[in-house]
N, C-alpha and C. Protein backbone atom coordinates (compact mmCIF):
# COMPACT_ATOMS: atom_id res chain seq x y z
N MET A 1 -29.70 -34.97 33.46
CA MET A 1 -29.42 -35.25 32.05
C MET A 1 -29.36 -33.95 31.24
N ALA A 2 -30.35 -33.04 31.50
CA ALA A 2 -30.39 -31.77 30.79
C ALA A 2 -29.15 -30.95 31.09
N SER A 3 -28.70 -31.03 32.36
CA SER A 3 -27.49 -30.30 32.76
C SER A 3 -26.27 -30.82 32.02
N ARG A 4 -26.20 -32.14 31.85
CA ARG A 4 -25.06 -32.75 31.15
C ARG A 4 -25.03 -32.31 29.69
N ILE A 5 -26.22 -32.25 29.04
CA ILE A 5 -26.31 -31.82 27.64
C ILE A 5 -25.86 -30.38 27.51
N SER A 6 -26.29 -29.52 28.43
CA SER A 6 -25.90 -28.11 28.41
C SER A 6 -24.40 -27.96 28.56
N THR A 7 -23.82 -28.78 29.45
CA THR A 7 -22.37 -28.74 29.66
C THR A 7 -21.64 -29.16 28.39
N MET A 8 -22.14 -30.19 27.72
CA MET A 8 -21.52 -30.67 26.48
C MET A 8 -21.62 -29.60 25.39
N LYS A 9 -22.79 -28.93 25.32
CA LYS A 9 -22.96 -27.86 24.32
C LYS A 9 -22.00 -26.71 24.60
N LEU A 10 -21.86 -26.37 25.88
CA LEU A 10 -20.96 -25.28 26.26
C LEU A 10 -19.52 -25.64 25.91
N LEU A 11 -19.13 -26.87 26.21
CA LEU A 11 -17.77 -27.32 25.90
C LEU A 11 -17.53 -27.29 24.39
N SER A 12 -18.54 -27.74 23.64
CA SER A 12 -18.43 -27.73 22.17
C SER A 12 -18.28 -26.31 21.65
N LEU A 13 -19.06 -25.38 22.23
CA LEU A 13 -19.00 -23.98 21.82
C LEU A 13 -17.63 -23.38 22.11
N VAL A 14 -17.09 -23.68 23.29
CA VAL A 14 -15.76 -23.17 23.67
C VAL A 14 -14.69 -23.70 22.72
N LEU A 15 -14.74 -24.98 22.41
CA LEU A 15 -13.75 -25.59 21.50
C LEU A 15 -13.88 -24.99 20.11
N SER A 16 -15.11 -24.79 19.64
CA SER A 16 -15.31 -24.19 18.31
C SER A 16 -14.77 -22.77 18.27
N SER A 17 -15.02 -22.01 19.34
CA SER A 17 -14.51 -20.63 19.41
C SER A 17 -13.00 -20.61 19.37
N PHE A 18 -12.37 -21.56 20.05
CA PHE A 18 -10.91 -21.62 20.07
C PHE A 18 -10.37 -21.86 18.66
N VAL A 19 -11.02 -22.75 17.91
CA VAL A 19 -10.60 -23.02 16.53
C VAL A 19 -10.75 -21.77 15.67
N ILE A 20 -11.88 -21.05 15.82
CA ILE A 20 -12.11 -19.84 15.04
C ILE A 20 -11.05 -18.80 15.36
N VAL A 21 -10.73 -18.62 16.64
CA VAL A 21 -9.70 -17.66 17.04
C VAL A 21 -8.36 -18.03 16.43
N GLN A 22 -8.02 -19.32 16.43
CA GLN A 22 -6.75 -19.75 15.85
C GLN A 22 -6.69 -19.46 14.35
N ILE A 23 -7.82 -19.67 13.66
CA ILE A 23 -7.87 -19.37 12.23
C ILE A 23 -7.72 -17.86 12.01
N ALA A 24 -8.39 -17.06 12.83
CA ALA A 24 -8.33 -15.61 12.68
C ALA A 24 -6.92 -15.08 12.90
N LEU A 25 -6.13 -15.77 13.74
CA LEU A 25 -4.78 -15.32 14.04
C LEU A 25 -3.74 -15.88 13.07
N ALA A 26 -4.20 -16.68 12.11
CA ALA A 26 -3.26 -17.31 11.19
C ALA A 26 -2.50 -16.26 10.39
N GLY A 27 -1.25 -16.50 10.13
CA GLY A 27 -0.39 -15.58 9.40
C GLY A 27 1.05 -15.95 9.68
N ASP A 28 1.96 -15.01 9.43
CA ASP A 28 3.35 -15.29 9.75
C ASP A 28 3.48 -15.50 11.25
N PRO A 29 4.19 -16.54 11.68
CA PRO A 29 4.32 -16.79 13.12
C PRO A 29 5.23 -15.75 13.78
N ASP A 30 4.93 -15.44 15.04
CA ASP A 30 5.81 -14.57 15.80
C ASP A 30 7.12 -15.30 16.07
N ILE A 31 8.21 -14.56 16.10
CA ILE A 31 9.51 -15.16 16.39
C ILE A 31 9.91 -14.78 17.82
N LEU A 32 10.79 -15.58 18.41
CA LEU A 32 11.19 -15.39 19.80
C LEU A 32 12.56 -14.77 19.92
N SER A 33 12.98 -14.11 18.84
CA SER A 33 14.27 -13.41 18.86
C SER A 33 14.11 -12.13 18.05
N ASP A 34 15.12 -11.28 18.09
CA ASP A 34 15.05 -10.03 17.34
C ASP A 34 14.95 -10.27 15.85
N PHE A 35 15.65 -11.25 15.36
CA PHE A 35 15.66 -11.58 13.94
C PHE A 35 16.18 -13.00 13.77
N ILE A 36 16.02 -13.51 12.52
CA ILE A 36 16.45 -14.87 12.21
C ILE A 36 17.56 -14.81 11.17
N VAL A 37 18.67 -15.43 11.48
CA VAL A 37 19.77 -15.50 10.51
C VAL A 37 20.24 -16.95 10.42
N PRO A 38 20.71 -17.37 9.24
CA PRO A 38 21.17 -18.75 9.08
C PRO A 38 22.34 -19.08 10.02
N ASN A 39 23.19 -18.09 10.24
CA ASN A 39 24.37 -18.28 11.07
C ASN A 39 24.51 -17.09 12.01
N GLN A 40 24.37 -17.34 13.31
CA GLN A 40 24.37 -16.25 14.28
C GLN A 40 25.73 -15.55 14.40
N ASN A 41 26.76 -16.17 13.87
CA ASN A 41 28.09 -15.56 13.93
C ASN A 41 28.33 -14.67 12.71
N ASN A 42 29.14 -13.66 12.90
CA ASN A 42 29.58 -12.79 11.81
C ASN A 42 28.43 -12.07 11.09
N VAL A 43 27.42 -11.66 11.84
CA VAL A 43 26.31 -10.90 11.26
C VAL A 43 26.64 -9.41 11.34
N ASP A 44 26.52 -8.73 10.21
CA ASP A 44 26.72 -7.28 10.22
C ASP A 44 25.61 -6.62 9.39
N GLY A 45 25.74 -5.33 9.15
CA GLY A 45 24.69 -4.59 8.47
C GLY A 45 24.39 -5.07 7.07
N SER A 46 25.33 -5.74 6.44
CA SER A 46 25.10 -6.20 5.07
C SER A 46 24.00 -7.25 5.00
N PHE A 47 23.82 -8.01 6.08
CA PHE A 47 22.75 -9.02 6.10
C PHE A 47 21.38 -8.36 6.03
N PHE A 48 21.27 -7.16 6.58
CA PHE A 48 19.99 -6.45 6.64
C PHE A 48 19.82 -5.46 5.49
N THR A 49 20.67 -5.57 4.49
CA THR A 49 20.64 -4.67 3.33
C THR A 49 20.33 -5.46 2.07
N TYR A 50 19.39 -4.94 1.27
CA TYR A 50 19.04 -5.57 0.00
C TYR A 50 19.34 -4.59 -1.13
N THR A 51 20.14 -5.00 -2.08
CA THR A 51 20.56 -4.10 -3.17
C THR A 51 19.91 -4.44 -4.51
N GLY A 52 18.96 -5.36 -4.49
CA GLY A 52 18.35 -5.82 -5.74
C GLY A 52 17.53 -4.79 -6.49
N MET A 53 17.17 -3.68 -5.82
CA MET A 53 16.39 -2.64 -6.48
C MET A 53 17.27 -1.58 -7.14
N ARG A 54 18.58 -1.68 -6.99
CA ARG A 54 19.46 -0.67 -7.58
C ARG A 54 19.33 -0.60 -9.10
N VAL A 55 18.93 -1.70 -9.70
CA VAL A 55 18.80 -1.72 -11.16
C VAL A 55 17.77 -0.70 -11.64
N LEU A 56 16.82 -0.36 -10.77
CA LEU A 56 15.79 0.62 -11.15
C LEU A 56 16.36 2.03 -11.27
N VAL A 57 17.37 2.32 -10.46
CA VAL A 57 17.92 3.67 -10.41
C VAL A 57 18.61 4.04 -11.72
N ASN A 58 19.34 3.08 -12.27
CA ASN A 58 20.10 3.35 -13.50
C ASN A 58 19.44 2.75 -14.74
N GLN A 59 18.16 2.41 -14.64
CA GLN A 59 17.46 1.79 -15.77
C GLN A 59 17.27 2.82 -16.89
N SER A 60 17.82 2.50 -18.06
CA SER A 60 17.76 3.45 -19.18
C SER A 60 16.53 3.24 -20.07
N THR A 61 16.01 2.02 -20.10
CA THR A 61 14.82 1.74 -20.91
C THR A 61 13.79 1.02 -20.05
N PHE A 62 12.53 1.25 -20.34
CA PHE A 62 11.45 0.60 -19.60
C PHE A 62 11.29 -0.82 -20.11
N PRO A 63 10.97 -1.79 -19.26
CA PRO A 63 10.79 -3.18 -19.73
C PRO A 63 9.70 -3.28 -20.81
N ALA A 64 9.89 -4.20 -21.73
CA ALA A 64 8.91 -4.39 -22.81
C ALA A 64 7.67 -5.13 -22.32
N ASN A 65 7.81 -5.91 -21.23
CA ASN A 65 6.70 -6.68 -20.68
C ASN A 65 6.50 -6.31 -19.22
N PHE A 66 5.32 -6.63 -18.69
CA PHE A 66 5.05 -6.41 -17.27
C PHE A 66 6.14 -7.11 -16.46
N THR A 67 6.73 -6.38 -15.50
CA THR A 67 7.87 -6.88 -14.75
C THR A 67 7.67 -6.63 -13.25
N ILE A 68 8.02 -7.63 -12.44
CA ILE A 68 7.98 -7.49 -10.99
C ILE A 68 9.37 -7.71 -10.42
N LEU A 69 9.85 -6.78 -9.61
CA LEU A 69 11.08 -6.96 -8.84
C LEU A 69 10.66 -7.16 -7.39
N LYS A 70 10.97 -8.32 -6.82
CA LYS A 70 10.51 -8.66 -5.48
C LYS A 70 11.62 -8.55 -4.45
N ALA A 71 11.20 -8.22 -3.24
CA ALA A 71 12.08 -8.32 -2.08
C ALA A 71 11.29 -9.08 -1.01
N SER A 72 11.22 -10.40 -1.18
CA SER A 72 10.59 -11.27 -0.19
C SER A 72 11.72 -12.02 0.53
N MET A 73 11.38 -12.89 1.45
CA MET A 73 12.42 -13.60 2.19
C MET A 73 13.24 -14.52 1.27
N VAL A 74 12.70 -14.83 0.10
CA VAL A 74 13.46 -15.64 -0.86
C VAL A 74 14.65 -14.84 -1.38
N GLU A 75 14.39 -13.59 -1.76
CA GLU A 75 15.46 -12.73 -2.28
C GLU A 75 16.25 -12.04 -1.16
N PHE A 76 15.59 -11.80 -0.03
CA PHE A 76 16.15 -11.00 1.06
C PHE A 76 15.94 -11.76 2.38
N PRO A 77 16.81 -12.71 2.71
CA PRO A 77 16.60 -13.59 3.87
C PRO A 77 16.39 -12.87 5.20
N ALA A 78 16.86 -11.64 5.34
CA ALA A 78 16.67 -10.91 6.60
C ALA A 78 15.20 -10.65 6.90
N LEU A 79 14.32 -10.78 5.90
CA LEU A 79 12.89 -10.57 6.12
C LEU A 79 12.23 -11.74 6.85
N ASN A 80 12.91 -12.88 6.92
CA ASN A 80 12.35 -14.05 7.58
C ASN A 80 11.94 -13.70 9.01
N GLY A 81 10.65 -13.88 9.32
CA GLY A 81 10.14 -13.60 10.65
C GLY A 81 9.68 -12.17 10.87
N GLN A 82 9.84 -11.30 9.87
CA GLN A 82 9.52 -9.88 10.05
C GLN A 82 8.14 -9.49 9.52
N SER A 83 7.43 -10.41 8.88
CA SER A 83 6.06 -10.18 8.41
C SER A 83 5.92 -8.99 7.48
N VAL A 84 6.91 -8.79 6.61
CA VAL A 84 6.85 -7.71 5.64
C VAL A 84 7.64 -8.09 4.40
N SER A 85 7.18 -7.64 3.25
CA SER A 85 7.93 -7.79 2.00
C SER A 85 7.47 -6.69 1.05
N TYR A 86 8.07 -6.68 -0.15
CA TYR A 86 8.01 -5.48 -0.97
C TYR A 86 8.14 -5.90 -2.43
N ALA A 87 7.56 -5.13 -3.32
CA ALA A 87 7.73 -5.39 -4.75
C ALA A 87 7.59 -4.09 -5.53
N VAL A 88 8.34 -3.99 -6.62
CA VAL A 88 8.19 -2.88 -7.56
C VAL A 88 7.61 -3.47 -8.84
N LEU A 89 6.51 -2.89 -9.31
CA LEU A 89 5.81 -3.41 -10.48
C LEU A 89 5.90 -2.39 -11.61
N GLN A 90 6.36 -2.85 -12.78
CA GLN A 90 6.51 -1.99 -13.94
C GLN A 90 5.56 -2.46 -15.05
N TYR A 91 4.70 -1.54 -15.50
CA TYR A 91 3.67 -1.84 -16.48
C TYR A 91 3.93 -1.05 -17.75
N PRO A 92 4.41 -1.69 -18.81
CA PRO A 92 4.47 -0.98 -20.10
C PRO A 92 3.07 -0.58 -20.55
N ALA A 93 2.98 0.28 -21.55
CA ALA A 93 1.68 0.70 -22.08
C ALA A 93 0.84 -0.52 -22.44
N SER A 94 -0.42 -0.50 -22.08
CA SER A 94 -1.41 -1.55 -22.40
C SER A 94 -1.05 -2.91 -21.81
N SER A 95 -0.34 -2.96 -20.69
CA SER A 95 0.03 -4.24 -20.10
C SER A 95 -0.82 -4.57 -18.88
N LEU A 96 -0.78 -5.83 -18.49
CA LEU A 96 -1.67 -6.36 -17.46
C LEU A 96 -0.90 -7.22 -16.46
N ASN A 97 -1.23 -7.07 -15.19
CA ASN A 97 -0.86 -8.06 -14.17
C ASN A 97 -2.10 -8.92 -14.00
N PRO A 98 -2.10 -10.14 -14.57
CA PRO A 98 -3.33 -10.95 -14.66
C PRO A 98 -3.93 -11.28 -13.30
N PRO A 99 -5.19 -11.69 -13.27
CA PRO A 99 -5.84 -12.06 -12.00
C PRO A 99 -5.02 -13.09 -11.22
N HIS A 100 -4.84 -12.79 -9.92
CA HIS A 100 -4.03 -13.64 -9.06
C HIS A 100 -4.44 -13.40 -7.61
N THR A 101 -3.89 -14.20 -6.71
CA THR A 101 -4.12 -14.01 -5.27
C THR A 101 -2.79 -14.09 -4.54
N HIS A 102 -2.78 -13.53 -3.33
CA HIS A 102 -1.67 -13.70 -2.39
C HIS A 102 -2.25 -14.38 -1.16
N PRO A 103 -2.01 -15.68 -1.00
CA PRO A 103 -2.70 -16.43 0.05
C PRO A 103 -2.29 -16.06 1.48
N ARG A 104 -1.12 -15.42 1.63
CA ARG A 104 -0.64 -15.18 2.99
C ARG A 104 -0.59 -13.71 3.40
N ALA A 105 -1.08 -12.80 2.56
CA ALA A 105 -0.99 -11.38 2.94
C ALA A 105 -1.90 -10.51 2.09
N ALA A 106 -2.30 -9.38 2.68
CA ALA A 106 -2.92 -8.30 1.91
C ALA A 106 -1.82 -7.58 1.15
N GLU A 107 -2.22 -6.84 0.11
CA GLU A 107 -1.27 -6.06 -0.69
C GLU A 107 -1.69 -4.60 -0.69
N LEU A 108 -0.78 -3.72 -0.29
CA LEU A 108 -1.02 -2.29 -0.33
C LEU A 108 -0.20 -1.71 -1.47
N LEU A 109 -0.89 -1.24 -2.52
CA LEU A 109 -0.23 -0.76 -3.73
C LEU A 109 -0.21 0.77 -3.74
N PHE A 110 0.96 1.34 -4.05
CA PHE A 110 1.14 2.78 -4.20
C PHE A 110 1.57 3.06 -5.63
N LEU A 111 0.76 3.82 -6.37
CA LEU A 111 1.07 4.12 -7.76
C LEU A 111 2.00 5.32 -7.83
N VAL A 112 3.22 5.09 -8.29
CA VAL A 112 4.25 6.12 -8.35
C VAL A 112 4.11 6.99 -9.59
N ASP A 113 3.81 6.35 -10.72
CA ASP A 113 3.75 7.09 -11.98
C ASP A 113 2.78 6.42 -12.93
N GLY A 114 2.09 7.22 -13.75
CA GLY A 114 1.16 6.66 -14.72
C GLY A 114 -0.24 6.49 -14.14
N SER A 115 -1.00 5.62 -14.74
CA SER A 115 -2.37 5.33 -14.29
C SER A 115 -2.61 3.83 -14.38
N LEU A 116 -3.51 3.35 -13.54
CA LEU A 116 -3.85 1.93 -13.52
C LEU A 116 -5.33 1.74 -13.27
N GLU A 117 -5.90 0.73 -13.91
CA GLU A 117 -7.21 0.23 -13.54
C GLU A 117 -6.97 -0.99 -12.66
N VAL A 118 -7.53 -0.99 -11.46
CA VAL A 118 -7.32 -2.10 -10.53
C VAL A 118 -8.66 -2.64 -10.06
N GLY A 119 -8.65 -3.87 -9.57
CA GLY A 119 -9.89 -4.43 -9.04
C GLY A 119 -9.64 -5.71 -8.29
N PHE A 120 -10.59 -6.04 -7.41
CA PHE A 120 -10.58 -7.34 -6.74
C PHE A 120 -12.01 -7.83 -6.60
N VAL A 121 -12.13 -9.14 -6.39
CA VAL A 121 -13.44 -9.79 -6.25
C VAL A 121 -13.53 -10.38 -4.85
N ASP A 122 -14.61 -10.05 -4.11
CA ASP A 122 -14.74 -10.59 -2.76
C ASP A 122 -15.38 -11.97 -2.79
N THR A 123 -15.63 -12.54 -1.62
CA THR A 123 -16.14 -13.92 -1.54
C THR A 123 -17.62 -14.03 -1.89
N THR A 124 -18.28 -12.90 -2.15
CA THR A 124 -19.66 -12.94 -2.67
C THR A 124 -19.68 -12.71 -4.17
N ASN A 125 -18.49 -12.70 -4.78
CA ASN A 125 -18.31 -12.47 -6.22
C ASN A 125 -18.66 -11.04 -6.64
N LYS A 126 -18.52 -10.10 -5.71
CA LYS A 126 -18.71 -8.69 -6.05
C LYS A 126 -17.37 -8.10 -6.47
N LEU A 127 -17.37 -7.40 -7.60
CA LEU A 127 -16.15 -6.79 -8.13
C LEU A 127 -16.03 -5.35 -7.65
N PHE A 128 -14.87 -4.99 -7.11
CA PHE A 128 -14.57 -3.63 -6.69
C PHE A 128 -13.44 -3.11 -7.60
N THR A 129 -13.71 -2.03 -8.34
CA THR A 129 -12.71 -1.50 -9.26
C THR A 129 -12.45 -0.02 -8.98
N GLN A 130 -11.30 0.43 -9.45
CA GLN A 130 -10.95 1.84 -9.29
C GLN A 130 -9.93 2.23 -10.35
N ASN A 131 -10.01 3.46 -10.83
CA ASN A 131 -8.98 4.02 -11.71
C ASN A 131 -8.03 4.84 -10.86
N LEU A 132 -6.77 4.44 -10.83
CA LEU A 132 -5.78 5.10 -9.99
C LEU A 132 -4.92 6.06 -10.80
N GLN A 133 -4.55 7.16 -10.16
CA GLN A 133 -3.61 8.12 -10.72
C GLN A 133 -2.38 8.14 -9.82
N ALA A 134 -1.28 8.67 -10.33
CA ALA A 134 -0.04 8.74 -9.57
C ALA A 134 -0.29 9.39 -8.21
N GLY A 135 0.22 8.74 -7.17
CA GLY A 135 0.03 9.22 -5.81
C GLY A 135 -1.08 8.50 -5.06
N ASP A 136 -1.91 7.72 -5.78
CA ASP A 136 -3.00 6.98 -5.14
C ASP A 136 -2.50 5.67 -4.55
N MET A 137 -3.23 5.20 -3.53
CA MET A 137 -2.97 3.88 -2.94
C MET A 137 -4.25 3.05 -3.03
N PHE A 138 -4.07 1.72 -3.06
CA PHE A 138 -5.21 0.80 -3.13
C PHE A 138 -4.85 -0.46 -2.36
N ILE A 139 -5.81 -0.97 -1.58
CA ILE A 139 -5.57 -2.19 -0.81
C ILE A 139 -6.28 -3.38 -1.45
N PHE A 140 -5.54 -4.46 -1.64
CA PHE A 140 -6.12 -5.73 -2.10
C PHE A 140 -6.17 -6.65 -0.88
N PRO A 141 -7.37 -6.98 -0.39
CA PRO A 141 -7.45 -7.81 0.82
C PRO A 141 -6.81 -9.18 0.64
N LYS A 142 -6.35 -9.71 1.73
CA LYS A 142 -5.63 -10.99 1.76
C LYS A 142 -6.44 -12.11 1.10
N GLY A 143 -5.80 -12.81 0.18
CA GLY A 143 -6.38 -14.02 -0.39
C GLY A 143 -7.39 -13.81 -1.50
N LEU A 144 -7.79 -12.55 -1.78
CA LEU A 144 -8.82 -12.33 -2.79
C LEU A 144 -8.21 -12.13 -4.18
N VAL A 145 -8.94 -12.58 -5.20
CA VAL A 145 -8.49 -12.46 -6.59
C VAL A 145 -8.47 -10.99 -6.98
N HIS A 146 -7.35 -10.54 -7.57
CA HIS A 146 -7.24 -9.15 -7.97
C HIS A 146 -6.35 -9.02 -9.20
N TYR A 147 -6.33 -7.82 -9.79
CA TYR A 147 -5.55 -7.56 -11.01
C TYR A 147 -5.20 -6.08 -11.07
N GLN A 148 -4.26 -5.74 -11.96
CA GLN A 148 -3.94 -4.35 -12.30
C GLN A 148 -3.74 -4.28 -13.81
N TYR A 149 -4.27 -3.21 -14.42
CA TYR A 149 -4.20 -3.06 -15.87
C TYR A 149 -3.83 -1.63 -16.23
N ASN A 150 -2.77 -1.48 -17.01
CA ASN A 150 -2.40 -0.17 -17.55
C ASN A 150 -3.10 -0.01 -18.89
N ALA A 151 -4.22 0.68 -18.89
CA ALA A 151 -5.01 0.84 -20.11
C ALA A 151 -4.48 1.92 -21.03
N ASP A 152 -3.50 2.69 -20.56
CA ASP A 152 -2.94 3.76 -21.37
C ASP A 152 -2.13 3.15 -22.52
N PRO A 153 -2.48 3.45 -23.78
CA PRO A 153 -1.78 2.85 -24.92
C PRO A 153 -0.42 3.48 -25.21
N ASN A 154 -0.12 4.57 -24.52
CA ASN A 154 1.11 5.31 -24.85
C ASN A 154 2.13 5.41 -23.72
N ASN A 155 1.66 5.34 -22.48
CA ASN A 155 2.55 5.62 -21.35
C ASN A 155 2.64 4.44 -20.38
N PRO A 156 3.84 4.19 -19.84
CA PRO A 156 4.01 3.13 -18.85
C PRO A 156 3.52 3.58 -17.48
N ALA A 157 3.50 2.68 -16.54
CA ALA A 157 3.16 2.97 -15.15
C ALA A 157 4.10 2.19 -14.24
N ILE A 158 4.31 2.70 -13.04
CA ILE A 158 5.15 2.01 -12.07
C ILE A 158 4.51 2.12 -10.70
N ALA A 159 4.50 1.02 -9.96
CA ALA A 159 3.88 0.99 -8.63
C ALA A 159 4.77 0.23 -7.66
N ILE A 160 4.55 0.50 -6.39
CA ILE A 160 5.25 -0.19 -5.31
C ILE A 160 4.20 -0.88 -4.46
N SER A 161 4.42 -2.16 -4.15
CA SER A 161 3.49 -2.89 -3.30
C SER A 161 4.20 -3.39 -2.05
N SER A 162 3.51 -3.29 -0.92
CA SER A 162 4.01 -3.86 0.32
C SER A 162 3.04 -4.94 0.78
N PHE A 163 3.57 -5.94 1.47
CA PHE A 163 2.80 -7.11 1.89
C PHE A 163 3.02 -7.36 3.37
N GLY A 164 1.98 -7.84 4.05
CA GLY A 164 2.08 -8.14 5.47
C GLY A 164 2.59 -9.54 5.75
N SER A 165 3.50 -10.00 4.93
CA SER A 165 4.12 -11.32 5.11
C SER A 165 5.49 -11.28 4.46
N ALA A 166 6.43 -12.01 5.04
CA ALA A 166 7.76 -12.11 4.43
C ALA A 166 7.72 -12.95 3.16
N ASN A 167 6.65 -13.72 2.99
CA ASN A 167 6.50 -14.56 1.80
C ASN A 167 5.02 -14.67 1.48
N ALA A 168 4.47 -13.61 0.84
CA ALA A 168 3.02 -13.54 0.60
C ALA A 168 2.52 -14.63 -0.32
N GLY A 169 3.38 -15.11 -1.22
CA GLY A 169 2.97 -16.11 -2.20
C GLY A 169 2.11 -15.49 -3.28
N THR A 170 2.18 -16.05 -4.48
CA THR A 170 1.35 -15.59 -5.59
C THR A 170 0.77 -16.79 -6.32
N VAL A 171 -0.54 -16.79 -6.48
CA VAL A 171 -1.23 -17.83 -7.25
C VAL A 171 -1.83 -17.14 -8.47
N SER A 172 -1.22 -17.34 -9.64
CA SER A 172 -1.71 -16.76 -10.88
C SER A 172 -2.82 -17.64 -11.43
N LEU A 173 -4.01 -17.08 -11.59
CA LEU A 173 -5.14 -17.90 -12.05
C LEU A 173 -4.92 -18.47 -13.44
N PRO A 174 -4.49 -17.67 -14.44
CA PRO A 174 -4.28 -18.27 -15.76
C PRO A 174 -3.27 -19.42 -15.74
N LYS A 175 -2.14 -19.22 -15.06
CA LYS A 175 -1.12 -20.27 -15.02
C LYS A 175 -1.58 -21.47 -14.21
N THR A 176 -2.22 -21.21 -13.06
CA THR A 176 -2.68 -22.30 -12.21
C THR A 176 -3.69 -23.17 -12.92
N LEU A 177 -4.60 -22.54 -13.66
CA LEU A 177 -5.66 -23.30 -14.31
C LEU A 177 -5.24 -23.92 -15.64
N PHE A 178 -4.45 -23.17 -16.43
CA PHE A 178 -4.21 -23.60 -17.81
C PHE A 178 -2.76 -23.96 -18.12
N ALA A 179 -1.86 -23.79 -17.18
CA ALA A 179 -0.47 -24.15 -17.44
C ALA A 179 0.00 -25.24 -16.49
N THR A 180 -0.94 -25.98 -15.92
CA THR A 180 -0.61 -27.13 -15.08
C THR A 180 -1.23 -28.37 -15.73
N ASN A 181 -1.34 -29.43 -14.98
CA ASN A 181 -1.82 -30.68 -15.57
C ASN A 181 -3.27 -31.01 -15.23
N ILE A 182 -4.09 -29.97 -14.96
CA ILE A 182 -5.51 -30.24 -14.76
C ILE A 182 -6.10 -30.76 -16.07
N ASP A 183 -6.85 -31.82 -15.98
CA ASP A 183 -7.40 -32.48 -17.18
C ASP A 183 -8.26 -31.53 -18.00
N ASP A 184 -8.11 -31.56 -19.33
CA ASP A 184 -8.86 -30.69 -20.22
C ASP A 184 -10.37 -30.84 -20.05
N THR A 185 -10.83 -32.06 -19.84
CA THR A 185 -12.27 -32.31 -19.69
C THR A 185 -12.80 -31.64 -18.43
N ILE A 186 -12.02 -31.71 -17.35
CA ILE A 186 -12.44 -31.07 -16.09
C ILE A 186 -12.55 -29.57 -16.28
N LEU A 187 -11.56 -28.98 -16.95
CA LEU A 187 -11.60 -27.54 -17.19
C LEU A 187 -12.75 -27.17 -18.13
N ALA A 188 -12.97 -27.97 -19.16
CA ALA A 188 -14.06 -27.68 -20.09
C ALA A 188 -15.41 -27.70 -19.38
N LYS A 189 -15.62 -28.69 -18.52
CA LYS A 189 -16.88 -28.75 -17.77
C LYS A 189 -17.00 -27.60 -16.78
N SER A 190 -15.88 -27.24 -16.16
CA SER A 190 -15.89 -26.15 -15.18
C SER A 190 -16.25 -24.82 -15.81
N PHE A 191 -15.74 -24.59 -17.02
CA PHE A 191 -15.99 -23.32 -17.71
C PHE A 191 -17.12 -23.41 -18.72
N LYS A 192 -17.81 -24.56 -18.74
CA LYS A 192 -18.97 -24.77 -19.63
C LYS A 192 -18.61 -24.47 -21.09
N THR A 193 -17.49 -25.07 -21.51
CA THR A 193 -17.04 -24.92 -22.89
C THR A 193 -16.56 -26.28 -23.39
N ASP A 194 -15.83 -26.28 -24.48
CA ASP A 194 -15.37 -27.56 -25.03
C ASP A 194 -13.86 -27.70 -24.85
N VAL A 195 -13.39 -28.91 -25.05
CA VAL A 195 -11.98 -29.24 -24.84
C VAL A 195 -11.08 -28.46 -25.80
N SER A 196 -11.51 -28.24 -27.03
CA SER A 196 -10.67 -27.52 -27.99
C SER A 196 -10.42 -26.07 -27.53
N THR A 197 -11.41 -25.46 -26.90
CA THR A 197 -11.23 -24.09 -26.38
C THR A 197 -10.21 -24.10 -25.25
N ILE A 198 -10.30 -25.08 -24.37
CA ILE A 198 -9.33 -25.20 -23.26
C ILE A 198 -7.94 -25.41 -23.82
N GLN A 199 -7.81 -26.25 -24.82
CA GLN A 199 -6.48 -26.50 -25.42
C GLN A 199 -5.92 -25.24 -26.07
N ALA A 200 -6.78 -24.44 -26.65
CA ALA A 200 -6.33 -23.17 -27.25
C ALA A 200 -5.83 -22.22 -26.17
N LEU A 201 -6.51 -22.18 -25.03
CA LEU A 201 -6.08 -21.34 -23.91
C LEU A 201 -4.72 -21.83 -23.38
N LYS A 202 -4.57 -23.13 -23.26
CA LYS A 202 -3.31 -23.68 -22.80
C LYS A 202 -2.17 -23.37 -23.77
N ALA A 203 -2.46 -23.45 -25.03
CA ALA A 203 -1.43 -23.18 -26.04
C ALA A 203 -0.99 -21.73 -25.96
N GLY A 204 -1.93 -20.82 -25.67
CA GLY A 204 -1.59 -19.41 -25.56
C GLY A 204 -0.68 -19.10 -24.39
N LEU A 205 -0.71 -19.94 -23.34
CA LEU A 205 0.11 -19.73 -22.16
C LEU A 205 1.41 -20.54 -22.20
N ALA A 206 1.58 -21.35 -23.23
CA ALA A 206 2.77 -22.20 -23.31
C ALA A 206 4.02 -21.35 -23.46
């Protein structure tokens, strides 16, 4: 009987380990071909070329609001299956990229020009912050809440981010919480405030 119990425990442990390994390996799936294209016929170099960033080269004025130019598989289908994507982030003076997460990838940010205050919060609710100068890099771990803030009141900043997924996804906390249909009472209880405060926050994001 004792031997049977030990065998069952061992089997349970093996099955649990297998589940943990599968979770640890979660991410963009490996593909069984060199690349993925909608139509295997008539593929040439243009399919593997993205020209959406050309607007930055001839840009005469800096955007008035925080702006992101993305090159994910949505904008650049050749990235499908390649586990990589890219974004250029433009921060006018005193602008913010609000707290958000990328559920499918870490983000490696390279600050090209200006300065940024950046930070992320880990799963123990510890905040890690840093003041970046041009030429610095910062990693935001996969799935963790993070932000970037250009505190300079006079000068813009520009950064480039790379992601370990063709479609990292973005979950904006302000929009997710206050610009969806979550009930005001639920939000008020969650934030230990009143419904009128929640409604004011929602109105500000409308």
